[in-house]
Amino acid sequence: MQYTLLITGSPYQSKACHSALRFVKAAVAAHPNSIKGVFFYEDAVLLANALSQPPRDEYNLTQAWQELAVSNNFPLYVCIAASVRRGILSESESQRYEQSQHSLAEHFQLEGLGTLVDLINTTDKIIQFK
């Protein structure tokens, strides 16, 4: 069974990103290719901000997601509209908006809602964490 995860809860105001991370760890431990993709939407896109730094004694949730995605070969999609609205830009988007820097964390990619629809249509289950 393959899953798509839709995460909408803020990494700072809810446990959505933490709970989804625990789910993915359990899923890939049981079945290595069970995650087709993770789509961050609404305030969950804040997780993909490369400029935010947790205190040294706190868990780095962004880094945990990056490492898990790389080691298990699944993509981390971030809604482009929600990201741009919150100042999270890829290098190409920063040029488009004539900004001098970009802030999208490594291993995250900006995508539109069409990507989410494609994920939903090509996996067995979608699970939302909000």
C-alpha atoms as a PDB file:
ATOM      1  CA  MET A   1       0.000   0.000   0.000  1.00  0.00           C
ATOM      2  CA  GLN A   2       1.288   3.457  -0.899  1.00  0.00           C
ATOM      3  CA  TYR A   3       0.440   6.592   1.023  1.00  0.00           C
ATOM      4  CA  THR A   4       0.348  10.297   0.291  1.00  0.00           C
ATOM      5  CA  LEU A   5       0.603  12.561   3.307  1.00  0.00           C
ATOM      6  CA  LEU A   6      -1.024  15.984   3.363  1.00  0.00           C
ATOM      7  CA  ILE A   7       0.252  18.115   6.219  1.00  0.00           C
ATOM      8  CA  THR A   8      -1.537  21.384   6.977  1.00  0.00           C
ATOM      9  CA  GLY A   9      -0.727  22.092  10.622  1.00  0.00           C
ATOM     10  CA  SER A  10       1.935  24.597  11.592  1.00  0.00           C
ATOM     11  CA  PRO A  11       5.192  23.060  12.808  1.00  0.00           C
ATOM     12  CA  TYR A  12       5.156  25.585  15.659  1.00  0.00           C
ATOM     13  CA  GLN A  13       1.474  25.666  16.661  1.00  0.00           C
ATOM     14  CA  SER A  14       0.449  22.019  16.305  1.00  0.00           C
ATOM     15  CA  LYS A  15       1.878  18.509  16.447  1.00  0.00           C
ATOM     16  CA  ALA A  16       0.909  17.763  12.831  1.00  0.00           C
ATOM     17  CA  CYS A  17       4.465  17.725  11.464  1.00  0.00           C
ATOM     18  CA  HIS A  18       5.717  15.663  14.420  1.00  0.00           C
ATOM     19  CA  SER A  19       2.878  13.135  14.163  1.00  0.00           C
ATOM     20  CA  ALA A  20       3.327  12.798  10.405  1.00  0.00           C
ATOM     21  CA  LEU A  21       7.049  12.239  10.858  1.00  0.00           C
ATOM     22  CA  ARG A  22       6.379   9.422  13.352  1.00  0.00           C
ATOM     23  CA  PHE A  23       3.846   7.885  10.953  1.00  0.00           C
ATOM     24  CA  VAL A  24       6.315   7.963   8.054  1.00  0.00           C
ATOM     25  CA  LYS A  25       9.058   6.396  10.167  1.00  0.00           C
ATOM     26  CA  ALA A  26       6.735   3.536  11.131  1.00  0.00           C
ATOM     27  CA  ALA A  27       5.443   3.107   7.575  1.00  0.00           C
ATOM     28  CA  VAL A  28       8.880   2.904   5.948  1.00  0.00           C
ATOM     29  CA  ALA A  29      10.115   0.573   8.679  1.00  0.00           C
ATOM     30  CA  ALA A  30       7.301  -1.842   7.820  1.00  0.00           C
ATOM     31  CA  HIS A  31       7.304  -1.300   4.038  1.00  0.00           C
ATOM     32  CA  PRO A  32      10.225   0.716   2.601  1.00  0.00           C
ATOM     33  CA  ASN A  33       8.399   2.101  -0.472  1.00  0.00           C
ATOM     34  CA  SER A  34       5.095   2.884   1.213  1.00  0.00           C
ATOM     35  CA  ILE A  35       5.388   6.697   0.985  1.00  0.00           C
ATOM     36  CA  LYS A  36       4.875   8.170  -2.472  1.00  0.00           C
ATOM     37  CA  GLY A  37       5.141  11.791  -1.366  1.00  0.00           C
ATOM     38  CA  VAL A  38       4.508  14.332   1.344  1.00  0.00           C
ATOM     39  CA  PHE A  39       2.691  17.583   0.538  1.00  0.00           C
ATOM     40  CA  PHE A  40       2.982  20.527   2.943  1.00  0.00           C
ATOM     41  CA  TYR A  41       0.127  23.035   2.690  1.00  0.00           C
ATOM     42  CA  GLU A  42      -1.172  26.062   4.612  1.00  0.00           C
ATOM     43  CA  ASP A  43       1.050  26.832   7.654  1.00  0.00           C
ATOM     44  CA  ALA A  44       2.870  23.503   7.343  1.00  0.00           C
ATOM     45  CA  VAL A  45       4.990  25.115   4.614  1.00  0.00           C
ATOM     46  CA  LEU A  46       6.840  26.971   7.380  1.00  0.00           C
ATOM     47  CA  LEU A  47       8.759  23.740   7.925  1.00  0.00           C
ATOM     48  CA  ALA A  48      10.542  24.323   4.592  1.00  0.00           C
ATOM     49  CA  ASN A  49      12.049  27.668   5.635  1.00  0.00           C
ATOM     50  CA  ALA A  50      15.825  27.299   5.553  1.00  0.00           C
ATOM     51  CA  LEU A  51      16.257  30.495   7.557  1.00  0.00           C
ATOM     52  CA  SER A  52      14.403  29.324  10.672  1.00  0.00           C
ATOM     53  CA  GLN A  53      16.695  27.809  13.273  1.00  0.00           C
ATOM     54  CA  PRO A  54      15.449  25.981  16.349  1.00  0.00           C
ATOM     55  CA  PRO A  55      17.379  26.474  19.589  1.00  0.00           C
ATOM     56  CA  ARG A  56      20.300  24.055  19.843  1.00  0.00           C
ATOM     57  CA  ASP A  57      18.633  22.069  22.600  1.00  0.00           C
ATOM     58  CA  GLU A  58      15.416  21.509  20.595  1.00  0.00           C
ATOM     59  CA  TYR A  59      14.599  18.910  17.972  1.00  0.00           C
ATOM     60  CA  ASN A  60      15.306  20.131  14.424  1.00  0.00           C
ATOM     61  CA  LEU A  61      12.135  19.021  12.672  1.00  0.00           C
ATOM     62  CA  THR A  62      13.156  20.363   9.254  1.00  0.00           C
ATOM     63  CA  GLN A  63      16.387  18.402   9.350  1.00  0.00           C
ATOM     64  CA  ALA A  64      14.567  15.255  10.492  1.00  0.00           C
ATOM     65  CA  TRP A  65      12.216  15.468   7.496  1.00  0.00           C
ATOM     66  CA  GLN A  66      15.100  16.089   5.115  1.00  0.00           C
ATOM     67  CA  GLU A  67      17.073  13.103   6.364  1.00  0.00           C
ATOM     68  CA  LEU A  68      14.055  10.791   6.310  1.00  0.00           C
ATOM     69  CA  ALA A  69      13.076  11.786   2.775  1.00  0.00           C
ATOM     70  CA  VAL A  70      16.597  11.367   1.423  1.00  0.00           C
ATOM     71  CA  SER A  71      17.216   8.033   3.132  1.00  0.00           C
ATOM     72  CA  ASN A  72      13.852   6.625   1.967  1.00  0.00           C
ATOM     73  CA  ASN A  73      13.743   8.297  -1.451  1.00  0.00           C
ATOM     74  CA  PHE A  74      10.434  10.162  -1.358  1.00  0.00           C
ATOM     75  CA  PRO A  75       9.768  13.804  -2.294  1.00  0.00           C
ATOM     76  CA  LEU A  76       8.851  16.666   0.031  1.00  0.00           C
ATOM     77  CA  TYR A  77       6.469  18.946  -1.855  1.00  0.00           C
ATOM     78  CA  VAL A  78       5.595  22.409  -0.589  1.00  0.00           C
ATOM     79  CA  CYS A  79       2.609  24.372  -1.903  1.00  0.00           C
ATOM     80  CA  ILE A  80       4.046  27.208  -3.945  1.00  0.00           C
ATOM     81  CA  ALA A  81       1.222  29.683  -3.285  1.00  0.00           C
ATOM     82  CA  ALA A  82       1.260  29.115   0.478  1.00  0.00           C
ATOM     83  CA  SER A  83       5.058  29.315   0.535  1.00  0.00           C
ATOM     84  CA  VAL A  84       5.430  32.515  -1.445  1.00  0.00           C
ATOM     85  CA  ARG A  85       2.765  34.122   0.740  1.00  0.00           C
ATOM     86  CA  ARG A  86       4.918  33.263   3.773  1.00  0.00           C
ATOM     87  CA  GLY A  87       8.239  34.368   2.254  1.00  0.00           C
ATOM     88  CA  ILE A  88       9.572  30.927   1.402  1.00  0.00           C
ATOM     89  CA  LEU A  89      11.073  31.173  -2.073  1.00  0.00           C
ATOM     90  CA  SER A  90      13.138  28.840  -4.203  1.00  0.00           C
ATOM     91  CA  GLU A  91      16.041  30.292  -6.148  1.00  0.00           C
ATOM     92  CA  SER A  92      13.946  30.595  -9.314  1.00  0.00           C
ATOM     93  CA  GLU A  93      11.006  32.168  -7.449  1.00  0.00           C
ATOM     94  CA  SER A  94      13.311  34.687  -5.777  1.00  0.00           C
ATOM     95  CA  GLN A  95      14.491  35.776  -9.229  1.00  0.00           C
ATOM     96  CA  ARG A  96      10.911  35.933 -10.474  1.00  0.00           C
ATOM     97  CA  TYR A  97       9.924  38.214  -7.579  1.00  0.00           C
ATOM     98  CA  GLU A  98      13.197  40.175  -7.878  1.00  0.00           C
ATOM     99  CA  GLN A  99      14.415  39.185  -4.427  1.00  0.00           C
ATOM    100  CA  SER A 100      18.101  38.956  -3.585  1.00  0.00           C
ATOM    101  CA  GLN A 101      17.909  35.668  -1.685  1.00  0.00           C
ATOM    102  CA  HIS A 102      15.942  32.461  -1.442  1.00  0.00           C
ATOM    103  CA  SER A 103      14.792  30.611   1.653  1.00  0.00           C
ATOM    104  CA  LEU A 104      13.551  27.171   0.572  1.00  0.00           C
ATOM    105  CA  ALA A 105      15.317  24.457   2.563  1.00  0.00           C
ATOM    106  CA  GLU A 106      17.248  21.786   0.729  1.00  0.00           C
ATOM    107  CA  HIS A 107      15.310  18.661  -0.365  1.00  0.00           C
ATOM    108  CA  PHE A 108      11.975  20.525  -0.407  1.00  0.00           C
ATOM    109  CA  GLN A 109      10.435  21.499  -3.729  1.00  0.00           C
ATOM    110  CA  LEU A 110       7.774  24.057  -4.545  1.00  0.00           C
ATOM    111  CA  GLU A 111       4.792  22.592  -6.395  1.00  0.00           C
ATOM    112  CA  GLY A 112       1.228  23.539  -7.206  1.00  0.00           C
ATOM    113  CA  LEU A 113      -1.949  21.801  -6.129  1.00  0.00           C
ATOM    114  CA  GLY A 114      -1.879  19.791  -9.356  1.00  0.00           C
ATOM    115  CA  THR A 115       0.929  17.760  -7.833  1.00  0.00           C
ATOM    116  CA  LEU A 116      -1.246  17.007  -4.816  1.00  0.00           C
ATOM    117  CA  VAL A 117      -4.085  15.897  -7.099  1.00  0.00           C
ATOM    118  CA  ASP A 118      -1.684  13.640  -8.991  1.00  0.00           C
ATOM    119  CA  LEU A 119      -0.448  12.104  -5.731  1.00  0.00           C
ATOM    120  CA  ILE A 120      -4.006  11.494  -4.562  1.00  0.00           C
ATOM    121  CA  ASN A 121      -4.922   9.831  -7.853  1.00  0.00           C
ATOM    122  CA  THR A 122      -1.890   7.528  -7.898  1.00  0.00           C
ATOM    123  CA  THR A 123      -1.750   6.257  -4.311  1.00  0.00           C
ATOM    124  CA  ASP A 124      -3.933   3.943  -2.274  1.00  0.00           C
ATOM    125  CA  LYS A 125      -4.559   6.289   0.661  1.00  0.00           C
ATOM    126  CA  ILE A 126      -4.138   9.925   1.594  1.00  0.00           C
ATOM    127  CA  ILE A 127      -3.662  10.822   5.232  1.00  0.00           C
ATOM    128  CA  GLN A 128      -3.983  14.392   6.458  1.00  0.00           C
ATOM    129  CA  PHE A 129      -2.250  15.760   9.530  1.00  0.00           C
ATOM    130  CA  LYS A 130      -3.600  19.110  10.729  1.00  0.00           C
END
